[in-house]
Amino acid sequence: MKKFNVFINIEKEEQWLNEQLQKGYRCTHINSLGLYTFEKTDQKYVMRLDYQEYLPKEKREEYIGIYEDFGWNYIKGSGLGIRYWQKEDDGQNEIFSDRQSQGNYYKRLMNYSLWFGMLCLVFSFMIYKDTRLYHAGLWDMNGALFWKALIFETPFVLLKLLPILMVGIFAGSYYKAYVKYSMLREKG
């Protein structure tokens, strides 16, 4: 079975993948465009996601080896640094078992959100440098011509606004990771 889904929030993606596992579908492949491949299974699995910045081949092999030693199967590492881990549910299902590793995870999530948010912000400045949302003559039109032009141009305006919307989404993601990181620090 194949499903298409796009996520910005890593934790929501992990939650969705675990919901699929609870329905009896184990993930076998994930491509970069958001196409997930599942197969029916009778066994109970759990899935965890991790974000790692670029790792050289040697460090990546060491990283994968450590998780595989604890029974995790490496599904895929996206070009965006997201690592997908899956294993049979044995009661020890967290890849970050102590506060320090959880804190480091939330720091990496904050870094992920910050960089993608900044990338969207730069992209939006490039788009808006010398342009208006609607073309200048639109507001001079009257009657049905105005409404037709407005309806025609609105999808393009929404596309222009998408990078700004993404900045807001990544800012929210950064804030959520920061709150979780702060709560961990207060406990320690």
N, C-alpha and C. Protein backbone atom coordinates (compact mmCIF):
# COMPACT_ATOMS: atom_id res chain seq x y z
N MET A 1 0.84 -1.16 0.00
CA MET A 1 0.00 0.00 0.00
C MET A 1 0.90 1.23 0.00
N LYS A 2 0.52 2.23 -0.76
CA LYS A 2 1.27 3.48 -0.83
C LYS A 2 0.37 4.62 -0.39
N LYS A 3 0.96 5.55 0.37
CA LYS A 3 0.23 6.74 0.81
C LYS A 3 1.12 7.95 0.59
N PHE A 4 0.47 9.04 0.25
CA PHE A 4 1.19 10.31 0.06
C PHE A 4 0.87 11.22 1.23
N ASN A 5 1.91 11.83 1.81
CA ASN A 5 1.72 12.77 2.89
C ASN A 5 2.97 13.64 2.98
N VAL A 6 2.80 14.90 3.29
CA VAL A 6 3.93 15.83 3.43
C VAL A 6 3.89 16.41 4.83
N PHE A 7 5.02 16.40 5.49
CA PHE A 7 5.11 16.90 6.85
C PHE A 7 6.21 17.95 6.95
N ILE A 8 5.97 18.92 7.81
CA ILE A 8 6.99 19.90 8.16
C ILE A 8 7.48 19.61 9.56
N ASN A 9 6.58 19.15 10.41
CA ASN A 9 6.89 18.85 11.80
C ASN A 9 7.28 17.37 11.92
N ILE A 10 8.51 17.12 12.35
CA ILE A 10 9.03 15.76 12.46
C ILE A 10 8.23 14.95 13.46
N GLU A 11 7.83 15.56 14.56
CA GLU A 11 7.09 14.83 15.59
C GLU A 11 5.71 14.40 15.08
N LYS A 12 5.07 15.23 14.26
CA LYS A 12 3.76 14.85 13.70
C LYS A 12 3.93 13.71 12.69
N GLU A 13 5.02 13.74 11.95
CA GLU A 13 5.29 12.66 11.00
C GLU A 13 5.48 11.35 11.76
N GLU A 14 6.25 11.39 12.85
CA GLU A 14 6.46 10.19 13.67
C GLU A 14 5.13 9.67 14.22
N GLN A 15 4.30 10.57 14.69
CA GLN A 15 2.99 10.19 15.23
C GLN A 15 2.14 9.52 14.15
N TRP A 16 2.12 10.09 12.94
CA TRP A 16 1.34 9.53 11.84
C TRP A 16 1.85 8.14 11.47
N LEU A 17 3.18 7.98 11.41
CA LEU A 17 3.74 6.68 11.06
C LEU A 17 3.39 5.63 12.11
N ASN A 18 3.40 6.01 13.38
CA ASN A 18 3.03 5.07 14.44
C ASN A 18 1.54 4.74 14.40
N GLU A 19 0.71 5.68 13.97
CA GLU A 19 -0.72 5.38 13.79
C GLU A 19 -0.90 4.33 12.69
N GLN A 20 -0.11 4.42 11.63
CA GLN A 20 -0.18 3.42 10.56
C GLN A 20 0.25 2.05 11.09
N LEU A 21 1.26 2.04 11.95
CA LEU A 21 1.71 0.78 12.56
C LEU A 21 0.62 0.17 13.44
N GLN A 22 -0.11 1.02 14.17
CA GLN A 22 -1.20 0.52 15.01
C GLN A 22 -2.33 -0.08 14.17
N LYS A 23 -2.46 0.40 12.94
CA LYS A 23 -3.48 -0.15 12.03
C LYS A 23 -3.00 -1.44 11.38
N GLY A 24 -1.73 -1.82 11.64
CA GLY A 24 -1.20 -3.07 11.09
C GLY A 24 -0.41 -2.91 9.81
N TYR A 25 0.09 -1.70 9.53
CA TYR A 25 0.87 -1.47 8.31
C TYR A 25 2.27 -0.99 8.68
N ARG A 26 3.25 -1.79 8.29
CA ARG A 26 4.65 -1.48 8.57
C ARG A 26 5.26 -0.73 7.39
N CYS A 27 5.99 0.32 7.70
CA CYS A 27 6.62 1.14 6.66
C CYS A 27 7.83 0.41 6.09
N THR A 28 7.93 0.36 4.77
CA THR A 28 9.07 -0.30 4.14
C THR A 28 9.94 0.66 3.33
N HIS A 29 9.36 1.80 2.92
CA HIS A 29 10.14 2.74 2.11
C HIS A 29 9.48 4.13 2.18
N ILE A 30 10.33 5.13 2.18
CA ILE A 30 9.86 6.52 2.16
C ILE A 30 10.71 7.26 1.13
N ASN A 31 10.06 7.91 0.18
CA ASN A 31 10.87 8.70 -0.75
C ASN A 31 10.81 10.17 -0.37
N SER A 32 11.66 10.95 -0.97
CA SER A 32 11.81 12.37 -0.61
C SER A 32 10.60 13.22 -0.98
N LEU A 33 9.71 12.71 -1.82
CA LEU A 33 8.55 13.48 -2.26
C LEU A 33 7.32 13.22 -1.40
N GLY A 34 7.45 12.42 -0.33
CA GLY A 34 6.34 12.18 0.57
C GLY A 34 5.51 10.96 0.25
N LEU A 35 6.05 10.03 -0.51
CA LEU A 35 5.34 8.80 -0.82
C LEU A 35 5.84 7.70 0.12
N TYR A 36 4.93 7.18 0.93
CA TYR A 36 5.25 6.16 1.93
C TYR A 36 4.73 4.82 1.43
N THR A 37 5.57 3.78 1.53
CA THR A 37 5.17 2.44 1.14
C THR A 37 5.01 1.60 2.40
N PHE A 38 3.87 0.92 2.52
CA PHE A 38 3.57 0.10 3.69
C PHE A 38 3.25 -1.32 3.25
N GLU A 39 3.47 -2.26 4.18
CA GLU A 39 3.04 -3.63 3.96
C GLU A 39 2.29 -4.09 5.21
N LYS A 40 1.31 -4.95 5.02
CA LYS A 40 0.49 -5.47 6.11
C LYS A 40 1.37 -6.37 6.98
N THR A 41 1.19 -6.25 8.30
CA THR A 41 1.95 -7.09 9.23
C THR A 41 1.09 -7.43 10.44
N ASP A 42 1.36 -8.58 11.03
CA ASP A 42 0.67 -8.98 12.25
C ASP A 42 1.49 -8.66 13.49
N GLN A 43 2.76 -8.31 13.31
CA GLN A 43 3.64 -8.00 14.43
C GLN A 43 3.47 -6.53 14.83
N LYS A 44 3.76 -6.26 16.08
CA LYS A 44 3.71 -4.89 16.59
C LYS A 44 5.07 -4.23 16.39
N TYR A 45 5.06 -3.08 15.74
CA TYR A 45 6.28 -2.31 15.50
C TYR A 45 6.13 -0.92 16.10
N VAL A 46 7.25 -0.26 16.25
CA VAL A 46 7.27 1.13 16.68
C VAL A 46 8.25 1.86 15.77
N MET A 47 7.97 3.13 15.52
CA MET A 47 8.83 3.91 14.63
C MET A 47 9.25 5.18 15.34
N ARG A 48 10.51 5.54 15.19
CA ARG A 48 11.04 6.78 15.75
C ARG A 48 11.81 7.51 14.67
N LEU A 49 11.76 8.84 14.75
CA LEU A 49 12.49 9.68 13.81
C LEU A 49 13.54 10.47 14.55
N ASP A 50 14.63 10.70 13.87
CA ASP A 50 15.72 11.51 14.42
C ASP A 50 16.14 12.48 13.33
N TYR A 51 16.60 13.62 13.75
CA TYR A 51 17.16 14.58 12.80
C TYR A 51 18.65 14.70 13.10
N GLN A 52 19.45 14.48 12.08
CA GLN A 52 20.89 14.64 12.18
C GLN A 52 21.35 15.51 11.03
N GLU A 53 22.21 16.45 11.34
CA GLU A 53 22.80 17.23 10.26
C GLU A 53 23.71 16.31 9.46
N TYR A 54 24.31 16.83 8.42
CA TYR A 54 25.14 16.02 7.54
C TYR A 54 26.18 15.25 8.35
N LEU A 55 26.25 13.94 8.08
CA LEU A 55 27.26 13.09 8.71
C LEU A 55 28.14 12.51 7.61
N PRO A 56 29.45 12.62 7.74
CA PRO A 56 30.32 11.96 6.77
C PRO A 56 30.07 10.45 6.80
N LYS A 57 30.47 9.75 5.76
CA LYS A 57 30.17 8.33 5.62
C LYS A 57 30.61 7.53 6.85
N GLU A 58 31.79 7.79 7.35
CA GLU A 58 32.31 7.06 8.50
C GLU A 58 31.44 7.27 9.74
N LYS A 59 31.09 8.51 10.02
CA LYS A 59 30.25 8.84 11.18
C LYS A 59 28.84 8.29 11.00
N ARG A 60 28.31 8.35 9.77
CA ARG A 60 26.97 7.84 9.49
C ARG A 60 26.91 6.34 9.73
N GLU A 61 27.94 5.60 9.30
CA GLU A 61 27.97 4.16 9.51
C GLU A 61 28.05 3.83 11.01
N GLU A 62 28.80 4.62 11.75
CA GLU A 62 28.89 4.43 13.21
C GLU A 62 27.53 4.72 13.85
N TYR A 63 26.90 5.80 13.44
CA TYR A 63 25.58 6.20 13.94
C TYR A 63 24.56 5.10 13.69
N ILE A 64 24.51 4.58 12.47
CA ILE A 64 23.56 3.52 12.13
C ILE A 64 23.87 2.26 12.92
N GLY A 65 25.15 1.92 13.05
CA GLY A 65 25.56 0.73 13.79
C GLY A 65 25.13 0.75 15.24
N ILE A 66 25.22 1.90 15.89
CA ILE A 66 24.81 2.01 17.30
C ILE A 66 23.33 1.69 17.45
N TYR A 67 22.49 2.25 16.58
CA TYR A 67 21.05 2.00 16.67
C TYR A 67 20.72 0.55 16.31
N GLU A 68 21.40 0.01 15.31
CA GLU A 68 21.15 -1.38 14.93
C GLU A 68 21.54 -2.35 16.04
N ASP A 69 22.55 -2.00 16.83
CA ASP A 69 22.94 -2.82 17.97
C ASP A 69 21.82 -2.93 19.01
N PHE A 70 20.95 -1.93 19.05
CA PHE A 70 19.83 -1.93 19.98
C PHE A 70 18.53 -2.40 19.32
N GLY A 71 18.63 -3.01 18.14
CA GLY A 71 17.48 -3.63 17.50
C GLY A 71 16.70 -2.75 16.54
N TRP A 72 17.17 -1.54 16.27
CA TRP A 72 16.46 -0.65 15.36
C TRP A 72 16.86 -0.95 13.93
N ASN A 73 15.89 -0.90 13.01
CA ASN A 73 16.15 -1.05 11.58
C ASN A 73 16.10 0.32 10.93
N TYR A 74 17.11 0.62 10.15
CA TYR A 74 17.21 1.91 9.47
C TYR A 74 16.36 1.85 8.21
N ILE A 75 15.34 2.70 8.15
CA ILE A 75 14.46 2.72 6.97
C ILE A 75 15.02 3.62 5.90
N LYS A 76 15.31 4.87 6.26
CA LYS A 76 15.76 5.80 5.24
C LYS A 76 16.32 7.04 5.90
N GLY A 77 17.32 7.61 5.29
CA GLY A 77 17.80 8.91 5.70
C GLY A 77 17.52 9.88 4.57
N SER A 78 16.68 10.85 4.82
CA SER A 78 16.33 11.79 3.76
C SER A 78 17.47 12.77 3.52
N GLY A 79 17.42 13.44 2.42
CA GLY A 79 18.41 14.46 2.13
C GLY A 79 18.31 15.64 3.09
N LEU A 80 17.22 15.69 3.84
CA LEU A 80 17.02 16.78 4.79
C LEU A 80 17.55 16.43 6.17
N GLY A 81 18.14 15.26 6.34
CA GLY A 81 18.73 14.87 7.62
C GLY A 81 17.79 14.09 8.51
N ILE A 82 16.60 13.76 8.07
CA ILE A 82 15.67 12.99 8.89
C ILE A 82 16.01 11.52 8.73
N ARG A 83 16.16 10.83 9.87
CA ARG A 83 16.47 9.40 9.89
C ARG A 83 15.26 8.65 10.44
N TYR A 84 14.88 7.59 9.76
CA TYR A 84 13.70 6.81 10.12
C TYR A 84 14.15 5.47 10.71
N TRP A 85 13.68 5.17 11.92
CA TRP A 85 14.05 3.96 12.64
C TRP A 85 12.79 3.19 13.00
N GLN A 86 12.86 1.87 12.83
CA GLN A 86 11.71 1.02 13.12
C GLN A 86 12.20 -0.26 13.76
N LYS A 87 11.44 -0.78 14.73
CA LYS A 87 11.76 -2.08 15.32
C LYS A 87 10.50 -2.68 15.91
N GLU A 88 10.59 -3.98 16.21
CA GLU A 88 9.47 -4.64 16.86
C GLU A 88 9.30 -4.06 18.25
N ASP A 89 8.04 -3.91 18.65
CA ASP A 89 7.72 -3.32 19.95
C ASP A 89 8.13 -4.29 21.06
N ASP A 90 9.15 -3.90 21.82
CA ASP A 90 9.63 -4.75 22.92
C ASP A 90 9.58 -4.03 24.27
N GLY A 91 8.89 -2.91 24.32
CA GLY A 91 8.76 -2.17 25.56
C GLY A 91 9.84 -1.11 25.75
N GLN A 92 10.97 -1.26 25.08
CA GLN A 92 12.04 -0.25 25.12
C GLN A 92 12.07 0.43 23.76
N ASN A 93 11.20 1.42 23.62
CA ASN A 93 10.93 1.97 22.30
C ASN A 93 11.41 3.39 22.09
N GLU A 94 12.18 3.91 22.99
CA GLU A 94 12.67 5.27 22.84
C GLU A 94 14.13 5.24 22.38
N ILE A 95 14.43 6.05 21.40
CA ILE A 95 15.83 6.13 20.97
C ILE A 95 16.60 7.14 21.81
N PHE A 96 15.88 7.99 22.52
CA PHE A 96 16.52 8.95 23.43
C PHE A 96 16.05 8.62 24.84
N SER A 97 16.85 7.86 25.56
CA SER A 97 16.41 7.34 26.85
C SER A 97 16.78 8.22 28.03
N ASP A 98 17.68 9.16 27.85
CA ASP A 98 18.07 10.03 28.97
C ASP A 98 17.83 11.49 28.60
N ARG A 99 17.85 12.35 29.63
CA ARG A 99 17.54 13.77 29.41
C ARG A 99 18.54 14.44 28.48
N GLN A 100 19.80 14.09 28.59
CA GLN A 100 20.81 14.75 27.75
C GLN A 100 20.57 14.45 26.26
N SER A 101 20.30 13.19 25.93
CA SER A 101 20.07 12.86 24.51
C SER A 101 18.75 13.47 24.02
N GLN A 102 17.74 13.53 24.89
CA GLN A 102 16.49 14.20 24.50
C GLN A 102 16.73 15.69 24.28
N GLY A 103 17.53 16.31 25.15
CA GLY A 103 17.85 17.73 25.00
C GLY A 103 18.60 17.99 23.70
N ASN A 104 19.54 17.11 23.38
CA ASN A 104 20.29 17.26 22.13
C ASN A 104 19.37 17.11 20.93
N TYR A 105 18.40 16.21 21.03
CA TYR A 105 17.42 16.02 19.96
C TYR A 105 16.62 17.31 19.74
N TYR A 106 16.13 17.92 20.82
CA TYR A 106 15.35 19.14 20.68
C TYR A 106 16.21 20.29 20.17
N LYS A 107 17.48 20.31 20.53
CA LYS A 107 18.39 21.33 19.96
C LYS A 107 18.51 21.15 18.46
N ARG A 108 18.63 19.89 18.02
CA ARG A 108 18.73 19.63 16.58
C ARG A 108 17.44 20.03 15.88
N LEU A 109 16.28 19.77 16.52
CA LEU A 109 15.00 20.18 15.92
C LEU A 109 14.91 21.69 15.81
N MET A 110 15.40 22.40 16.83
CA MET A 110 15.39 23.86 16.77
C MET A 110 16.27 24.33 15.62
N ASN A 111 17.42 23.71 15.47
CA ASN A 111 18.34 24.06 14.39
C ASN A 111 17.70 23.79 13.02
N TYR A 112 17.04 22.65 12.88
CA TYR A 112 16.32 22.28 11.66
C TYR A 112 15.28 23.35 11.31
N SER A 113 14.46 23.72 12.30
CA SER A 113 13.41 24.72 12.08
C SER A 113 14.00 26.08 11.76
N LEU A 114 15.06 26.45 12.46
CA LEU A 114 15.69 27.75 12.23
C LEU A 114 16.22 27.86 10.80
N TRP A 115 16.96 26.86 10.34
CA TRP A 115 17.56 26.94 9.01
C TRP A 115 16.53 26.91 7.90
N PHE A 116 15.51 26.06 8.03
CA PHE A 116 14.49 26.03 6.98
C PHE A 116 13.64 27.29 7.02
N GLY A 117 13.38 27.82 8.20
CA GLY A 117 12.65 29.09 8.31
C GLY A 117 13.44 30.22 7.68
N MET A 118 14.74 30.27 7.93
CA MET A 118 15.59 31.31 7.33
C MET A 118 15.64 31.16 5.82
N LEU A 119 15.71 29.93 5.34
CA LEU A 119 15.72 29.69 3.90
C LEU A 119 14.43 30.21 3.26
N CYS A 120 13.30 29.95 3.89
CA CYS A 120 12.02 30.46 3.38
C CYS A 120 11.97 31.98 3.44
N LEU A 121 12.52 32.56 4.50
CA LEU A 121 12.54 34.01 4.63
C LEU A 121 13.37 34.65 3.52
N VAL A 122 14.55 34.10 3.25
CA VAL A 122 15.40 34.62 2.18
C VAL A 122 14.69 34.47 0.84
N PHE A 123 14.07 33.32 0.63
CA PHE A 123 13.34 33.08 -0.62
C PHE A 123 12.20 34.09 -0.78
N SER A 124 11.50 34.38 0.31
CA SER A 124 10.39 35.34 0.21
C SER A 124 10.90 36.75 -0.09
N PHE A 125 12.06 37.12 0.45
CA PHE A 125 12.63 38.44 0.12
C PHE A 125 13.01 38.51 -1.36
N MET A 126 13.48 37.40 -1.90
CA MET A 126 13.82 37.37 -3.33
C MET A 126 12.55 37.54 -4.17
N ILE A 127 11.45 36.93 -3.75
CA ILE A 127 10.19 37.02 -4.51
C ILE A 127 9.61 38.43 -4.44
N TYR A 128 9.62 39.03 -3.25
CA TYR A 128 8.94 40.30 -3.04
C TYR A 128 9.78 41.52 -3.33
N LYS A 129 11.00 41.34 -3.77
CA LYS A 129 11.92 42.46 -3.95
C LYS A 129 11.31 43.59 -4.78
N ASP A 130 10.83 43.30 -5.95
CA ASP A 130 10.29 44.34 -6.82
C ASP A 130 8.90 43.98 -7.34
N THR A 131 8.10 43.38 -6.52
CA THR A 131 6.81 42.93 -7.03
C THR A 131 5.70 43.26 -6.04
N ARG A 132 4.50 43.32 -6.57
CA ARG A 132 3.31 43.47 -5.75
C ARG A 132 2.60 42.13 -5.74
N LEU A 133 1.69 41.95 -4.82
CA LEU A 133 0.95 40.69 -4.80
C LEU A 133 0.04 40.58 -6.02
N TYR A 134 -0.76 41.62 -6.28
CA TYR A 134 -1.63 41.65 -7.45
C TYR A 134 -1.04 42.66 -8.44
N HIS A 135 -1.30 42.48 -9.72
CA HIS A 135 -0.76 43.45 -10.68
C HIS A 135 -1.48 44.79 -10.51
N ALA A 136 -0.77 45.84 -10.85
CA ALA A 136 -1.21 47.20 -10.56
C ALA A 136 -2.57 47.54 -11.19
N GLY A 137 -2.86 47.06 -12.36
CA GLY A 137 -4.10 47.44 -13.04
C GLY A 137 -5.35 46.78 -12.49
N LEU A 138 -5.20 45.79 -11.63
CA LEU A 138 -6.35 45.07 -11.11
C LEU A 138 -7.31 46.00 -10.37
N TRP A 139 -6.79 46.90 -9.57
CA TRP A 139 -7.63 47.76 -8.73
C TRP A 139 -8.33 48.86 -9.54
N ASP A 140 -7.93 49.04 -10.80
CA ASP A 140 -8.60 50.01 -11.66
C ASP A 140 -9.75 49.40 -12.45
N MET A 141 -9.86 48.08 -12.43
CA MET A 141 -10.92 47.40 -13.18
C MET A 141 -12.26 47.55 -12.47
N ASN A 142 -13.34 47.36 -13.24
CA ASN A 142 -14.68 47.48 -12.68
C ASN A 142 -15.51 46.26 -13.02
N GLY A 143 -16.54 46.02 -12.20
CA GLY A 143 -17.56 45.02 -12.49
C GLY A 143 -17.04 43.60 -12.60
N ALA A 144 -17.60 42.88 -13.57
CA ALA A 144 -17.29 41.46 -13.75
C ALA A 144 -15.83 41.24 -14.11
N LEU A 145 -15.25 42.17 -14.88
CA LEU A 145 -13.84 42.04 -15.25
C LEU A 145 -12.95 42.04 -14.00
N PHE A 146 -13.28 42.91 -13.04
CA PHE A 146 -12.51 42.96 -11.79
C PHE A 146 -12.59 41.61 -11.06
N TRP A 147 -13.79 41.06 -10.91
CA TRP A 147 -13.96 39.82 -10.17
C TRP A 147 -13.29 38.65 -10.87
N LYS A 148 -13.37 38.59 -12.19
CA LYS A 148 -12.70 37.52 -12.94
C LYS A 148 -11.19 37.61 -12.76
N ALA A 149 -10.65 38.82 -12.87
CA ALA A 149 -9.20 39.01 -12.71
C ALA A 149 -8.77 38.68 -11.28
N LEU A 150 -9.57 39.09 -10.30
CA LEU A 150 -9.24 38.81 -8.90
C LEU A 150 -9.23 37.31 -8.64
N ILE A 151 -10.24 36.62 -9.12
CA ILE A 151 -10.32 35.16 -8.92
C ILE A 151 -9.17 34.46 -9.65
N PHE A 152 -8.83 34.94 -10.84
CA PHE A 152 -7.74 34.34 -11.60
C PHE A 152 -6.40 34.55 -10.89
N GLU A 153 -6.16 35.72 -10.35
CA GLU A 153 -4.86 36.03 -9.77
C GLU A 153 -4.67 35.53 -8.34
N THR A 154 -5.75 35.29 -7.62
CA THR A 154 -5.64 34.90 -6.21
C THR A 154 -4.81 33.64 -5.98
N PRO A 155 -4.95 32.56 -6.77
CA PRO A 155 -4.07 31.39 -6.54
C PRO A 155 -2.58 31.73 -6.68
N PHE A 156 -2.25 32.64 -7.60
CA PHE A 156 -0.86 33.04 -7.77
C PHE A 156 -0.38 33.86 -6.58
N VAL A 157 -1.27 34.67 -6.04
CA VAL A 157 -0.94 35.45 -4.84
C VAL A 157 -0.68 34.51 -3.67
N LEU A 158 -1.51 33.48 -3.53
CA LEU A 158 -1.31 32.52 -2.45
C LEU A 158 0.02 31.78 -2.59
N LEU A 159 0.40 31.48 -3.82
CA LEU A 159 1.71 30.86 -4.04
C LEU A 159 2.84 31.80 -3.64
N LYS A 160 2.66 33.08 -3.92
CA LYS A 160 3.68 34.06 -3.52
C LYS A 160 3.78 34.16 -2.00
N LEU A 161 2.66 33.97 -1.31
CA LEU A 161 2.63 34.08 0.15
C LEU A 161 3.11 32.81 0.85
N LEU A 162 3.23 31.73 0.12
CA LEU A 162 3.61 30.46 0.72
C LEU A 162 4.93 30.52 1.52
N PRO A 163 6.00 31.14 1.01
CA PRO A 163 7.22 31.19 1.82
C PRO A 163 7.03 31.90 3.16
N ILE A 164 6.23 32.96 3.18
CA ILE A 164 5.98 33.67 4.44
C ILE A 164 5.19 32.76 5.40
N LEU A 165 4.22 32.04 4.87
CA LEU A 165 3.47 31.08 5.68
C LEU A 165 4.41 30.02 6.25
N MET A 166 5.33 29.55 5.43
CA MET A 166 6.29 28.53 5.88
C MET A 166 7.19 29.08 6.98
N VAL A 167 7.56 30.35 6.91
CA VAL A 167 8.35 30.96 7.98
C VAL A 167 7.58 30.88 9.29
N GLY A 168 6.30 31.18 9.25
CA GLY A 168 5.47 31.09 10.44
C GLY A 168 5.38 29.67 10.98
N ILE A 169 5.24 28.71 10.09
CA ILE A 169 5.15 27.31 10.51
C ILE A 169 6.47 26.86 11.14
N PHE A 170 7.59 27.20 10.51
CA PHE A 170 8.88 26.82 11.07
C PHE A 170 9.16 27.56 12.38
N ALA A 171 8.68 28.78 12.51
CA ALA A 171 8.83 29.51 13.78
C ALA A 171 8.04 28.80 14.88
N GLY A 172 6.85 28.34 14.55
CA GLY A 172 6.06 27.58 15.52
C GLY A 172 6.73 26.28 15.91
N SER A 173 7.31 25.61 14.93
CA SER A 173 8.03 24.36 15.19
C SER A 173 9.24 24.61 16.08
N TYR A 174 9.95 25.70 15.81
CA TYR A 174 11.11 26.08 16.64
C TYR A 174 10.65 26.34 18.07
N TYR A 175 9.57 27.07 18.22
CA TYR A 175 9.07 27.41 19.55
C TYR A 175 8.68 26.16 20.34
N LYS A 176 7.99 25.21 19.68
CA LYS A 176 7.58 23.98 20.36
C LYS A 176 8.81 23.19 20.82
N ALA A 177 9.82 23.08 19.96
CA ALA A 177 11.05 22.37 20.35
C ALA A 177 11.75 23.10 21.49
N TYR A 178 11.74 24.44 21.45
CA TYR A 178 12.37 25.23 22.51
C TYR A 178 11.67 25.02 23.85
N VAL A 179 10.34 24.99 23.84
CA VAL A 179 9.58 24.77 25.07
C VAL A 179 9.90 23.40 25.65
N LYS A 180 9.94 22.38 24.81
CA LYS A 180 10.26 21.03 25.29
C LYS A 180 11.69 20.96 25.82
N TYR A 181 12.60 21.63 25.12
CA TYR A 181 13.99 21.66 25.58
C TYR A 181 14.09 22.39 26.93
N SER A 182 13.38 23.50 27.08
CA SER A 182 13.40 24.26 28.33
C SER A 182 12.83 23.44 29.49
N MET A 183 11.77 22.69 29.22
CA MET A 183 11.18 21.85 30.26
C MET A 183 12.16 20.77 30.70
N LEU A 184 12.91 20.21 29.77
CA LEU A 184 13.92 19.21 30.14
C LEU A 184 15.01 19.82 31.00
N ARG A 185 15.44 21.02 30.66
CA ARG A 185 16.49 21.69 31.44
C ARG A 185 16.02 22.00 32.86
N GLU A 186 14.74 22.39 32.99
CA GLU A 186 14.21 22.70 34.32
C GLU A 186 14.13 21.45 35.20
N LYS A 187 13.86 20.28 34.61
CA LYS A 187 13.80 19.05 35.38
C LYS A 187 15.18 18.64 35.89
N GLY A 188 16.20 18.95 35.10
CA GLY A 188 17.57 18.52 35.41
C GLY A 188 18.22 19.45 36.32
